């Protein structure tokens, strides 16, 4: 199974040692499914950790290296304009490029699109309930 996590999943996982986002990130690390990621997602995660959460550059580097250790990088070629929030289109682009089956997000703009071109869009909790 190929999955794309929205940046909010990575941020939630970074902030909590418990909870659905942390659990699915740990499952991905253990190879339970494949996770695709694009530069737009990693850039957003880094920006939030540095600017909004004021993490040190060392702590950000450790987290980003951890994410890179179990994700497959893709570079979307097609631009999408289907989400009400244009800032979320890059998640759809990544999922389409990766031929993902599922997008995991806490963002209502994306959740409202479920299903999107055959891709399920689920919350972290709903994804966990799939018994993967």
C-alpha atoms as a PDB file:
ATOM      1  CA  UNK A   1       0.000   0.000   0.000  1.00  0.00           C
ATOM      2  CA  UNK A   2       1.307   3.436  -0.967  1.00  0.00           C
ATOM      3  CA  UNK A   3       0.365   6.391   1.254  1.00  0.00           C
ATOM      4  CA  UNK A   4       0.994  10.153   1.387  1.00  0.00           C
ATOM      5  CA  UNK A   5       0.946  11.954   4.715  1.00  0.00           C
ATOM      6  CA  UNK A   6      -0.008  15.613   4.850  1.00  0.00           C
ATOM      7  CA  UNK A   7       2.509  17.816   6.649  1.00  0.00           C
ATOM      8  CA  UNK A   8       0.081  18.126   9.588  1.00  0.00           C
ATOM      9  CA  UNK A   9       0.531  14.397  10.250  1.00  0.00           C
ATOM     10  CA  UNK A  10       4.322  14.771  10.479  1.00  0.00           C
ATOM     11  CA  UNK A  11       3.970  17.829  12.719  1.00  0.00           C
ATOM     12  CA  UNK A  12       1.512  16.071  15.040  1.00  0.00           C
ATOM     13  CA  UNK A  13       3.804  13.049  15.189  1.00  0.00           C
ATOM     14  CA  UNK A  14       6.760  15.279  16.062  1.00  0.00           C
ATOM     15  CA  UNK A  15       4.875  16.910  18.911  1.00  0.00           C
ATOM     16  CA  UNK A  16       3.400  13.833  20.585  1.00  0.00           C
ATOM     17  CA  UNK A  17       4.822  10.464  21.530  1.00  0.00           C
ATOM     18  CA  UNK A  18       1.254   9.110  21.630  1.00  0.00           C
ATOM     19  CA  UNK A  19      -1.698   9.564  19.330  1.00  0.00           C
ATOM     20  CA  UNK A  20      -2.702   8.378  15.890  1.00  0.00           C
ATOM     21  CA  UNK A  21      -0.232  10.479  13.894  1.00  0.00           C
ATOM     22  CA  UNK A  22       2.755   9.221  15.872  1.00  0.00           C
ATOM     23  CA  UNK A  23       1.454   5.659  15.623  1.00  0.00           C
ATOM     24  CA  UNK A  24       1.123   5.715  11.832  1.00  0.00           C
ATOM     25  CA  UNK A  25       4.544   7.329  11.413  1.00  0.00           C
ATOM     26  CA  UNK A  26       6.032   4.522  13.536  1.00  0.00           C
ATOM     27  CA  UNK A  27       4.174   1.934  11.426  1.00  0.00           C
ATOM     28  CA  UNK A  28       5.617   3.513   8.285  1.00  0.00           C
ATOM     29  CA  UNK A  29       9.095   3.399   9.798  1.00  0.00           C
ATOM     30  CA  UNK A  30       8.584  -0.332  10.419  1.00  0.00           C
ATOM     31  CA  UNK A  31       7.694  -0.864   6.755  1.00  0.00           C
ATOM     32  CA  UNK A  32       3.999  -1.685   7.179  1.00  0.00           C
ATOM     33  CA  UNK A  33       3.297   0.423   4.083  1.00  0.00           C
ATOM     34  CA  UNK A  34       5.186   2.730   1.715  1.00  0.00           C
ATOM     35  CA  UNK A  35       5.097   6.484   2.227  1.00  0.00           C
ATOM     36  CA  UNK A  36       5.741   8.913  -0.611  1.00  0.00           C
ATOM     37  CA  UNK A  37       6.843  12.470   0.085  1.00  0.00           C
ATOM     38  CA  UNK A  38       7.613  15.495  -2.077  1.00  0.00           C
ATOM     39  CA  UNK A  39       9.929  18.437  -1.457  1.00  0.00           C
ATOM     40  CA  UNK A  40       6.891  20.667  -0.967  1.00  0.00           C
ATOM     41  CA  UNK A  41       5.859  18.551   2.012  1.00  0.00           C
ATOM     42  CA  UNK A  42       9.308  18.391   3.610  1.00  0.00           C
ATOM     43  CA  UNK A  43       9.769  22.123   3.066  1.00  0.00           C
ATOM     44  CA  UNK A  44       6.455  22.836   4.783  1.00  0.00           C
ATOM     45  CA  UNK A  45       7.292  20.584   7.740  1.00  0.00           C
ATOM     46  CA  UNK A  46      10.692  22.249   8.169  1.00  0.00           C
ATOM     47  CA  UNK A  47       9.209  25.743   7.920  1.00  0.00           C
ATOM     48  CA  UNK A  48       6.570  25.029  10.569  1.00  0.00           C
ATOM     49  CA  UNK A  49       9.039  23.405  12.955  1.00  0.00           C
ATOM     50  CA  UNK A  50      11.452  26.337  12.654  1.00  0.00           C
ATOM     51  CA  UNK A  51       9.198  29.361  12.330  1.00  0.00           C
ATOM     52  CA  UNK A  52       6.073  28.432  14.257  1.00  0.00           C
ATOM     53  CA  UNK A  53       7.342  25.928  16.792  1.00  0.00           C
ATOM     54  CA  UNK A  54      10.811  27.452  17.208  1.00  0.00           C
ATOM     55  CA  UNK A  55      12.671  24.165  17.104  1.00  0.00           C
ATOM     56  CA  UNK A  56      16.456  24.373  17.003  1.00  0.00           C
ATOM     57  CA  UNK A  57      18.119  23.645  13.675  1.00  0.00           C
ATOM     58  CA  UNK A  58      19.694  20.511  15.196  1.00  0.00           C
ATOM     59  CA  UNK A  59      16.344  19.156  16.356  1.00  0.00           C
ATOM     60  CA  UNK A  60      14.758  19.909  12.966  1.00  0.00           C
ATOM     61  CA  UNK A  61      17.655  18.190  11.180  1.00  0.00           C
ATOM     62  CA  UNK A  62      17.207  15.059  13.321  1.00  0.00           C
ATOM     63  CA  UNK A  63      13.461  14.925  12.644  1.00  0.00           C
ATOM     64  CA  UNK A  64      13.866  15.499   8.915  1.00  0.00           C
ATOM     65  CA  UNK A  65      16.579  12.827   8.659  1.00  0.00           C
ATOM     66  CA  UNK A  66      14.251  10.455  10.484  1.00  0.00           C
ATOM     67  CA  UNK A  67      11.450  11.165   7.970  1.00  0.00           C
ATOM     68  CA  UNK A  68      13.810  10.686   5.022  1.00  0.00           C
ATOM     69  CA  UNK A  69      14.842   7.287   6.400  1.00  0.00           C
ATOM     70  CA  UNK A  70      11.481   5.662   5.598  1.00  0.00           C
ATOM     71  CA  UNK A  71       9.878   7.825   2.883  1.00  0.00           C
ATOM     72  CA  UNK A  72      10.229   7.634  -0.880  1.00  0.00           C
ATOM     73  CA  UNK A  73      10.756  10.995  -2.549  1.00  0.00           C
ATOM     74  CA  UNK A  74       8.683  11.851  -5.604  1.00  0.00           C
ATOM     75  CA  UNK A  75       8.676  15.005  -7.682  1.00  0.00           C
ATOM     76  CA  UNK A  76       5.198  15.803  -9.010  1.00  0.00           C
ATOM     77  CA  UNK A  77       5.112  16.781 -12.662  1.00  0.00           C
ATOM     78  CA  UNK A  78       1.473  17.844 -12.941  1.00  0.00           C
ATOM     79  CA  UNK A  79      -0.105  20.795 -11.167  1.00  0.00           C
ATOM     80  CA  UNK A  80      -3.524  20.355  -9.568  1.00  0.00           C
ATOM     81  CA  UNK A  81      -6.058  23.090  -8.797  1.00  0.00           C
ATOM     82  CA  UNK A  82      -8.874  21.030  -7.301  1.00  0.00           C
ATOM     83  CA  UNK A  83      -8.725  21.905  -3.602  1.00  0.00           C
ATOM     84  CA  UNK A  84     -10.615  24.889  -2.169  1.00  0.00           C
ATOM     85  CA  UNK A  85      -7.409  25.798  -0.330  1.00  0.00           C
ATOM     86  CA  UNK A  86      -4.731  26.212  -3.011  1.00  0.00           C
ATOM     87  CA  UNK A  87      -2.013  25.565  -0.406  1.00  0.00           C
ATOM     88  CA  UNK A  88      -3.222  21.955  -0.157  1.00  0.00           C
ATOM     89  CA  UNK A  89      -2.986  21.089  -3.846  1.00  0.00           C
ATOM     90  CA  UNK A  90       0.627  19.950  -3.449  1.00  0.00           C
ATOM     91  CA  UNK A  91      -0.580  17.008  -1.324  1.00  0.00           C
ATOM     92  CA  UNK A  92      -2.866  15.882  -4.151  1.00  0.00           C
ATOM     93  CA  UNK A  93      -0.030  16.335  -6.644  1.00  0.00           C
ATOM     94  CA  UNK A  94       2.267  14.162  -4.554  1.00  0.00           C
ATOM     95  CA  UNK A  95      -0.359  11.442  -4.195  1.00  0.00           C
ATOM     96  CA  UNK A  96      -1.079  11.361  -7.924  1.00  0.00           C
ATOM     97  CA  UNK A  97       2.615  11.268  -8.840  1.00  0.00           C
ATOM     98  CA  UNK A  98       3.244   8.478  -6.316  1.00  0.00           C
ATOM     99  CA  UNK A  99       0.162   6.561  -7.437  1.00  0.00           C
ATOM    100  CA  UNK A 100      -0.859   6.490  -3.786  1.00  0.00           C
ATOM    101  CA  UNK A 101      -3.956   4.691  -2.614  1.00  0.00           C
ATOM    102  CA  UNK A 102      -4.466   6.841   0.473  1.00  0.00           C
ATOM    103  CA  UNK A 103      -3.805  10.387   1.692  1.00  0.00           C
ATOM    104  CA  UNK A 104      -3.722  10.793   5.474  1.00  0.00           C
ATOM    105  CA  UNK A 105      -4.563  14.284   6.726  1.00  0.00           C
ATOM    106  CA  UNK A 106      -6.320  16.273   9.388  1.00  0.00           C
ATOM    107  CA  UNK A 107      -7.167  19.018   6.904  1.00  0.00           C
ATOM    108  CA  UNK A 108     -10.879  19.412   6.185  1.00  0.00           C
ATOM    109  CA  UNK A 109     -10.254  20.948   2.753  1.00  0.00           C
ATOM    110  CA  UNK A 110      -8.644  17.680   1.688  1.00  0.00           C
ATOM    111  CA  UNK A 111     -11.004  15.408   3.634  1.00  0.00           C
ATOM    112  CA  UNK A 112     -13.942  17.026   1.812  1.00  0.00           C
ATOM    113  CA  UNK A 113     -12.541  15.685  -1.482  1.00  0.00           C
ATOM    114  CA  UNK A 114     -12.746  12.024  -0.374  1.00  0.00           C
ATOM    115  CA  UNK A 115     -12.429  10.058  -2.535  1.00  0.00           C
ATOM    116  CA  UNK A 116     -10.222  11.973  -4.947  1.00  0.00           C
ATOM    117  CA  UNK A 117      -9.554  10.297  -8.317  1.00  0.00           C
ATOM    118  CA  UNK A 118      -9.739   6.905  -6.632  1.00  0.00           C
ATOM    119  CA  UNK A 119      -7.514   7.935  -3.709  1.00  0.00           C
ATOM    120  CA  UNK A 120      -8.989   7.610  -0.245  1.00  0.00           C
ATOM    121  CA  UNK A 121      -8.516  10.634   1.995  1.00  0.00           C
ATOM    122  CA  UNK A 122      -8.606   9.693   5.664  1.00  0.00           C
ATOM    123  CA  UNK A 123      -7.841  11.127   9.076  1.00  0.00           C
ATOM    124  CA  UNK A 124      -4.987   9.484  10.992  1.00  0.00           C
ATOM    125  CA  UNK A 125      -7.508   7.763  13.294  1.00  0.00           C
ATOM    126  CA  UNK A 126      -9.578   6.436  10.358  1.00  0.00           C
ATOM    127  CA  UNK A 127      -6.391   5.173   8.711  1.00  0.00           C
ATOM    128  CA  UNK A 128      -5.449   3.285  11.882  1.00  0.00           C
ATOM    129  CA  UNK A 129      -8.919   1.764  12.054  1.00  0.00           C
ATOM    130  CA  UNK A 130      -8.281   0.091   8.683  1.00  0.00           C
ATOM    131  CA  UNK A 131      -6.213  -2.488  10.612  1.00  0.00           C
ATOM    132  CA  UNK A 132      -3.240  -2.177   8.314  1.00  0.00           C
END
